[in-house]
PDB file of N, CA and C in Angstrom:
ATOM      1  N   MET A   1       3.187   0.040  18.502  1.00  0.00           N
ATOM      2  CA  MET A   1       2.545   0.312  19.089  1.00  0.00           C
ATOM      3  C   MET A   1       3.645  -0.702  20.220  1.00  0.00           C
ATOM      4  N   ILE A   2       3.543  -0.212  20.890  1.00  0.00           N
ATOM      5  CA  ILE A   2       4.649  -1.100  22.278  1.00  0.00           C
ATOM      6  C   ILE A   2       3.858  -1.338  23.271  1.00  0.00           C
ATOM      7  N   THR A   3       4.561  -3.536  23.679  1.00  0.00           N
ATOM      8  CA  THR A   3       4.313  -4.259  24.262  1.00  0.00           C
ATOM      9  C   THR A   3       5.095  -4.148  25.666  1.00  0.00           C
ATOM     10  N   ASP A   4       3.504  -4.340  26.741  1.00  0.00           N
ATOM     11  CA  ASP A   4       4.335  -4.808  27.976  1.00  0.00           C
ATOM     12  C   ASP A   4       4.587  -6.334  28.282  1.00  0.00           C
ATOM     13  N   LEU A   5       6.117  -6.893  28.574  1.00  0.00           N
ATOM     14  CA  LEU A   5       6.940  -7.621  28.435  1.00  0.00           C
ATOM     15  C   LEU A   5       6.706  -7.832  29.974  1.00  0.00           C
ATOM     16  N   THR A   6       6.184  -7.521  30.696  1.00  0.00           N
ATOM     17  CA  THR A   6       6.230  -7.798  32.310  1.00  0.00           C
ATOM     18  C   THR A   6       4.951  -7.611  32.701  1.00  0.00           C
ATOM     19  N   LYS A   7       3.994  -8.123  32.000  1.00  0.00           N
ATOM     20  CA  LYS A   7       2.728  -8.666  32.294  1.00  0.00           C
ATOM     21  C   LYS A   7       2.489  -9.893  31.817  1.00  0.00           C
ATOM     22  N   GLY A   8       3.802 -10.589  30.629  1.00  0.00           N
ATOM     23  CA  GLY A   8       3.697 -12.076  31.323  1.00  0.00           C
ATOM     24  C   GLY A   8       2.311 -12.838  30.293  1.00  0.00           C
ATOM     25  N   VAL A   9       2.149 -14.224  30.357  1.00  0.00           N
ATOM     26  CA  VAL A   9       1.155 -15.066  30.107  1.00  0.00           C
ATOM     27  C   VAL A   9      -0.330 -14.530  30.177  1.00  0.00           C
ATOM     28  N   GLY A  10      -1.131 -14.392  28.885  1.00  0.00           N
ATOM     29  CA  GLY A  10      -2.343 -13.849  29.942  1.00  0.00           C
ATOM     30  C   GLY A  10      -2.682 -12.392  30.573  1.00  0.00           C
ATOM     31  N   GLY A  11      -1.517 -11.726  30.154  1.00  0.00           N
ATOM     32  CA  GLY A  11      -1.597 -10.845  30.795  1.00  0.00           C
ATOM     33  C   GLY A  11      -2.015 -10.408  32.589  1.00  0.00           C
ATOM     34  N   THR A  12      -1.270 -11.482  32.772  1.00  0.00           N
ATOM     35  CA  THR A  12      -0.928 -11.366  33.752  1.00  0.00           C
ATOM     36  C   THR A  12       0.411 -10.933  34.473  1.00  0.00           C
ATOM     37  N   ARG A  13       1.146 -10.436  35.060  1.00  0.00           N
ATOM     38  CA  ARG A  13       2.184 -10.307  35.189  1.00  0.00           C
ATOM     39  C   ARG A  13       3.301 -11.749  36.062  1.00  0.00           C
ATOM     40  N   GLY A  14       2.329 -12.195  36.919  1.00  0.00           N
ATOM     41  CA  GLY A  14       2.922 -13.422  37.434  1.00  0.00           C
ATOM     42  C   GLY A  14       2.731 -14.500  36.779  1.00  0.00           C
ATOM     43  N   GLY A  15       1.758 -14.902  35.292  1.00  0.00           N
ATOM     44  CA  GLY A  15       2.759 -15.165  34.650  1.00  0.00           C
ATOM     45  C   GLY A  15       3.827 -15.704  34.202  1.00  0.00           C
ATOM     46  N   ALA A  16       4.508 -15.063  33.822  1.00  0.00           N
ATOM     47  CA  ALA A  16       6.616 -15.155  33.274  1.00  0.00           C
ATOM     48  C   ALA A  16       6.884 -15.782  34.393  1.00  0.00           C
ATOM     49  N   ILE A  17       6.526 -15.394  35.610  1.00  0.00           N
ATOM     50  CA  ILE A  17       7.393 -15.880  37.103  1.00  0.00           C
ATOM     51  C   ILE A  17       7.063 -17.486  37.219  1.00  0.00           C
ATOM     52  N   MET A  18       5.783 -17.587  37.060  1.00  0.00           N
ATOM     53  CA  MET A  18       5.150 -19.162  37.120  1.00  0.00           C
ATOM     54  C   MET A  18       5.947 -19.726  36.173  1.00  0.00           C
ATOM     55  N   GLY A  19       5.949 -19.307  35.066  1.00  0.00           N
ATOM     56  CA  GLY A  19       6.267 -20.417  33.550  1.00  0.00           C
ATOM     57  C   GLY A  19       7.792 -20.252  34.394  1.00  0.00           C
ATOM     58  N   LEU A  20       8.705 -19.722  34.582  1.00  0.00           N
ATOM     59  CA  LEU A  20       9.161 -19.718  34.590  1.00  0.00           C
ATOM     60  C   LEU A  20      10.214 -20.685  36.004  1.00  0.00           C
ATOM     61  N   ILE A  21       9.088 -20.677  37.459  1.00  0.00           N
ATOM     62  CA  ILE A  21       9.317 -21.045  37.901  1.00  0.00           C
ATOM     63  C   ILE A  21       8.838 -23.036  37.253  1.00  0.00           C
ATOM     64  N   VAL A  22       7.718 -23.522  36.268  1.00  0.00           N
ATOM     65  CA  VAL A  22       7.693 -24.663  35.753  1.00  0.00           C
ATOM     66  C   VAL A  22       8.721 -25.166  35.310  1.00  0.00           C
ATOM     67  N   GLY A  23       9.637 -24.294  35.026  1.00  0.00           N
ATOM     68  CA  GLY A  23      10.730 -24.744  33.372  1.00  0.00           C
ATOM     69  C   GLY A  23      11.728 -25.424  34.655  1.00  0.00           C
ATOM     70  N   LEU A  24      12.017 -24.700  35.824  1.00  0.00           N
ATOM     71  CA  LEU A  24      12.768 -25.063  36.631  1.00  0.00           C
ATOM     72  C   LEU A  24      12.416 -25.990  37.537  1.00  0.00           C
ATOM     73  N   LEU A  25      11.120 -26.402  37.793  1.00  0.00           N
ATOM     74  CA  LEU A  25      10.667 -27.709  37.817  1.00  0.00           C
ATOM     75  C   LEU A  25      10.991 -28.845  37.608  1.00  0.00           C
ATOM     76  N   VAL A  26      10.874 -28.278  35.833  1.00  0.00           N
ATOM     77  CA  VAL A  26      11.927 -29.585  34.910  1.00  0.00           C
ATOM     78  C   VAL A  26      12.746 -29.841  35.006  1.00  0.00           C
ATOM     79  N   LEU A  27      13.685 -28.930  35.114  1.00  0.00           N
ATOM     80  CA  LEU A  27      14.997 -29.250  34.742  1.00  0.00           C
ATOM     81  C   LEU A  27      15.062 -29.798  35.844  1.00  0.00           C
ATOM     82  N   TRP A  28      14.796 -29.462  37.409  1.00  0.00           N
ATOM     83  CA  TRP A  28      15.324 -30.005  38.196  1.00  0.00           C
ATOM     84  C   TRP A  28      15.002 -31.727  38.021  1.00  0.00           C
ATOM     85  N   VAL A  29      13.924 -32.589  38.024  1.00  0.00           N
ATOM     86  CA  VAL A  29      13.594 -33.653  37.609  1.00  0.00           C
ATOM     87  C   VAL A  29      14.186 -33.932  36.794  1.00  0.00           C
ATOM     88  N   VAL A  30      14.519 -33.567  35.564  1.00  0.00           N
ATOM     89  CA  VAL A  30      15.622 -34.301  34.370  1.00  0.00           C
ATOM     90  C   VAL A  30      16.842 -34.478  35.679  1.00  0.00           C
ATOM     91  N   LEU A  31      17.583 -33.451  36.244  1.00  0.00           N
ATOM     92  CA  LEU A  31      18.918 -33.763  37.152  1.00  0.00           C
ATOM     93  C   LEU A  31      17.901 -34.746  37.845  1.00  0.00           C
ATOM     94  N   VAL A  32      17.532 -34.440  38.591  1.00  0.00           N
ATOM     95  CA  VAL A  32      17.246 -36.264  39.854  1.00  0.00           C
ATOM     96  C   VAL A  32      17.385 -37.353  38.860  1.00  0.00           C
ATOM     97  N   VAL A  33      17.132 -37.418  37.292  1.00  0.00           N
ATOM     98  CA  VAL A  33      16.566 -39.244  37.241  1.00  0.00           C
ATOM     99  C   VAL A  33      18.339 -39.278  36.422  1.00  0.00           C
ATOM    100  N   ILE A  34      18.783 -38.400  35.685  1.00  0.00           N
ATOM    101  CA  ILE A  34      19.788 -38.135  35.783  1.00  0.00           C
ATOM    102  C   ILE A  34      20.727 -38.799  36.589  1.00  0.00           C
ATOM    103  N   GLY A  35      20.843 -37.993  37.942  1.00  0.00           N
ATOM    104  CA  GLY A  35      21.392 -38.586  39.025  1.00  0.00           C
ATOM    105  C   GLY A  35      21.407 -39.889  39.418  1.00  0.00           C
ATOM    106  N   PHE A  36      19.956 -40.358  39.436  1.00  0.00           N
ATOM    107  CA  PHE A  36      19.401 -41.607  39.825  1.00  0.00           C
ATOM    108  C   PHE A  36      20.016 -42.852  38.629  1.00  0.00           C
ATOM    109  N   ALA A  37      19.987 -42.602  37.804  1.00  0.00           N
ATOM    110  CA  ALA A  37      20.794 -43.005  36.760  1.00  0.00           C
ATOM    111  C   ALA A  37      21.912 -43.704  36.416  1.00  0.00           C
ATOM    112  N   ILE A  38      22.563 -42.592  36.820  1.00  0.00           N
ATOM    113  CA  ILE A  38      24.671 -42.594  36.565  1.00  0.00           C
ATOM    114  C   ILE A  38      24.663 -43.149  38.098  1.00  0.00           C
ATOM    115  N   LYS A  39      25.229 -43.982  38.745  1.00  0.00           N
ATOM    116  CA  LYS A  39      25.388 -43.458  39.951  1.00  0.00           C
ATOM    117  C   LYS A  39      26.060 -42.962  40.820  1.00  0.00           C
ATOM    118  N   ALA A  40      26.976 -42.972  40.139  1.00  0.00           N
ATOM    119  CA  ALA A  40      28.281 -41.771  40.149  1.00  0.00           C
ATOM    120  C   ALA A  40      28.453 -40.357  40.227  1.00  0.00           C
ATOM    121  N   LEU A  41      26.751 -40.717  39.765  1.00  0.00           N
ATOM    122  CA  LEU A  41      26.004 -38.688  40.180  1.00  0.00           C
ATOM    123  C   LEU A  41      25.238 -38.733  41.035  1.00  0.00           C
ATOM    124  N   LEU A  42      24.966 -39.635  42.303  1.00  0.00           N
ATOM    125  CA  LEU A  42      24.105 -39.310  43.026  1.00  0.00           C
ATOM    126  C   LEU A  42      23.492 -38.323  44.141  1.00  0.00           C
ATOM    127  N   TRP A  43      25.162 -37.511  44.066  1.00  0.00           N
ATOM    128  CA  TRP A  43      24.674 -36.214  44.211  1.00  0.00           C
ATOM    129  C   TRP A  43      24.060 -34.876  43.221  1.00  0.00           C
ATOM    130  N   LEU A  44      24.402 -35.630  42.396  1.00  0.00           N
ATOM    131  CA  LEU A  44      23.040 -34.341  41.407  1.00  0.00           C
ATOM    132  C   LEU A  44      21.650 -34.701  41.678  1.00  0.00           C
ATOM    133  N   ALA A  45      21.759 -35.968  42.030  1.00  0.00           N
ATOM    134  CA  ALA A  45      20.520 -36.238  42.608  1.00  0.00           C
ATOM    135  C   ALA A  45      19.621 -35.895  43.777  1.00  0.00           C
ATOM    136  N   ILE A  46      19.933 -35.739  44.354  1.00  0.00           N
ATOM    137  CA  ILE A  46      20.495 -34.884  45.829  1.00  0.00           C
ATOM    138  C   ILE A  46      20.190 -33.987  45.521  1.00  0.00           C
ATOM    139  N   VAL A  47      21.131 -33.062  44.846  1.00  0.00           N
ATOM    140  CA  VAL A  47      21.356 -31.568  44.263  1.00  0.00           C
ATOM    141  C   VAL A  47      19.864 -30.921  44.032  1.00  0.00           C
ATOM    142  N   GLY A  48      19.216 -31.819  42.798  1.00  0.00           N
ATOM    143  CA  GLY A  48      17.825 -32.109  42.129  1.00  0.00           C
ATOM    144  C   GLY A  48      17.131 -32.511  42.769  1.00  0.00           C
ATOM    145  N   ILE A  49      16.989 -33.138  44.097  1.00  0.00           N
ATOM    146  CA  ILE A  49      15.589 -32.803  44.891  1.00  0.00           C
ATOM    147  C   ILE A  49      15.925 -31.668  45.713  1.00  0.00           C
ATOM    148  N   VAL A  50      16.531 -31.578  46.211  1.00  0.00           N
ATOM    149  CA  VAL A  50      16.574 -30.057  47.072  1.00  0.00           C
ATOM    150  C   VAL A  50      15.951 -29.018  46.204  1.00  0.00           C
ATOM    151  N   LEU A  51      16.535 -28.448  45.236  1.00  0.00           N
ATOM    152  CA  LEU A  51      16.438 -27.475  44.317  1.00  0.00           C
ATOM    153  C   LEU A  51      15.039 -27.302  43.752  1.00  0.00           C
ATOM    154  N   PHE A  52      14.302 -29.021  43.304  1.00  0.00           N
ATOM    155  CA  PHE A  52      13.320 -29.482  43.258  1.00  0.00           C
ATOM    156  C   PHE A  52      12.123 -28.701  44.635  1.00  0.00           C
ATOM    157  N   VAL A  53      12.572 -28.741  45.698  1.00  0.00           N
ATOM    158  CA  VAL A  53      11.639 -28.795  46.827  1.00  0.00           C
ATOM    159  C   VAL A  53      11.433 -26.804  47.185  1.00  0.00           C
ATOM    160  N   ILE A  54      12.899 -26.769  47.079  1.00  0.00           N
ATOM    161  CA  ILE A  54      13.152 -25.165  47.222  1.00  0.00           C
ATOM    162  C   ILE A  54      11.946 -24.290  45.773  1.00  0.00           C
ATOM    163  N   THR A  55      12.103 -24.587  45.093  1.00  0.00           N
ATOM    164  CA  THR A  55      11.365 -24.195  43.967  1.00  0.00           C
ATOM    165  C   THR A  55       9.917 -24.226  44.123  1.00  0.00           C
ATOM    166  N   GLY A  56       8.814 -25.667  44.175  1.00  0.00           N
ATOM    167  CA  GLY A  56       8.160 -25.655  44.468  1.00  0.00           C
ATOM    168  C   GLY A  56       7.652 -24.661  45.588  1.00  0.00           C
ATOM    169  N   LEU A  57       8.441 -24.755  46.805  1.00  0.00           N
ATOM    170  CA  LEU A  57       7.861 -24.211  48.126  1.00  0.00           C
ATOM    171  C   LEU A  57       8.244 -22.226  47.548  1.00  0.00           C
ATOM    172  N   PHE A  58       8.948 -21.752  46.658  1.00  0.00           N
ATOM    173  CA  PHE A  58       9.198 -20.690  46.302  1.00  0.00           C
ATOM    174  C   PHE A  58       7.751 -20.499  45.202  1.00  0.00           C
ATOM    175  N   GLY A  59       7.120 -21.503  44.694  1.00  0.00           N
ATOM    176  CA  GLY A  59       6.543 -21.474  44.058  1.00  0.00           C
ATOM    177  C   GLY A  59       5.099 -21.010  44.020  1.00  0.00           C
ATOM    178  N   ALA A  60       4.909 -21.929  45.261  1.00  0.00           N
ATOM    179  CA  ALA A  60       3.495 -22.127  45.919  1.00  0.00           C
ATOM    180  C   ALA A  60       3.206 -20.824  46.958  1.00  0.00           C
ATOM    181  N   ILE A  61       3.985 -20.325  47.240  1.00  0.00           N
ATOM    182  CA  ILE A  61       4.272 -19.109  48.080  1.00  0.00           C
ATOM    183  C   ILE A  61       4.020 -17.886  47.719  1.00  0.00           C
ATOM    184  N   ARG A  62       4.873 -17.281  46.596  1.00  0.00           N
ATOM    185  CA  ARG A  62       4.310 -16.499  45.402  1.00  0.00           C
ATOM    186  C   ARG A  62       2.727 -17.023  44.511  1.00  0.00           C
ATOM    187  N   ARG A  63       2.567 -18.120  44.232  1.00  0.00           N
ATOM    188  CA  ARG A  63       1.451 -18.200  43.805  1.00  0.00           C
ATOM    189  C   ARG A  63       0.047 -17.644  44.647  1.00  0.00           C
ATOM    190  N   ARG A  64       0.376 -18.066  46.118  1.00  0.00           N
ATOM    191  CA  ARG A  64      -0.765 -17.865  47.359  1.00  0.00           C
ATOM    192  C   ARG A  64      -0.711 -16.354  47.238  1.00  0.00           C
ATOM    193  N   ALA A  65       0.346 -15.790  47.598  1.00  0.00           N
ATOM    194  CA  ALA A  65       0.472 -14.136  47.086  1.00  0.00           C
ATOM    195  C   ALA A  65       0.295 -12.907  46.258  1.00  0.00           C
ATOM    196  N   VAL A  66      -0.186 -13.846  44.647  1.00  0.00           N
ATOM    197  CA  VAL A  66      -0.523 -13.217  43.907  1.00  0.00           C
ATOM    198  C   VAL A  66      -2.564 -12.801  43.834  1.00  0.00           C
ATOM    199  N   ARG A  67      -2.746 -14.482  44.978  1.00  0.00           N
ATOM    200  CA  ARG A  67      -4.033 -14.487  45.214  1.00  0.00           C
ATOM    201  C   ARG A  67      -4.341 -13.245  45.581  1.00  0.00           C
TER     202      ARG A  67
END
């Protein structure tokens, strides 16, 4: 029995991509928290915020295109 790994979660192809996007959003939030907690790493917080916004926009566009 061969399974199709490109289908992702729930049998939809976009499920795996959305899982990746959610994972990236969580990672960016962690970077923002670390950046604000350690003032010397404020640049990390700024990078995390920018990447969070970009990933969120990509996810929204991707989700809209799937529908």
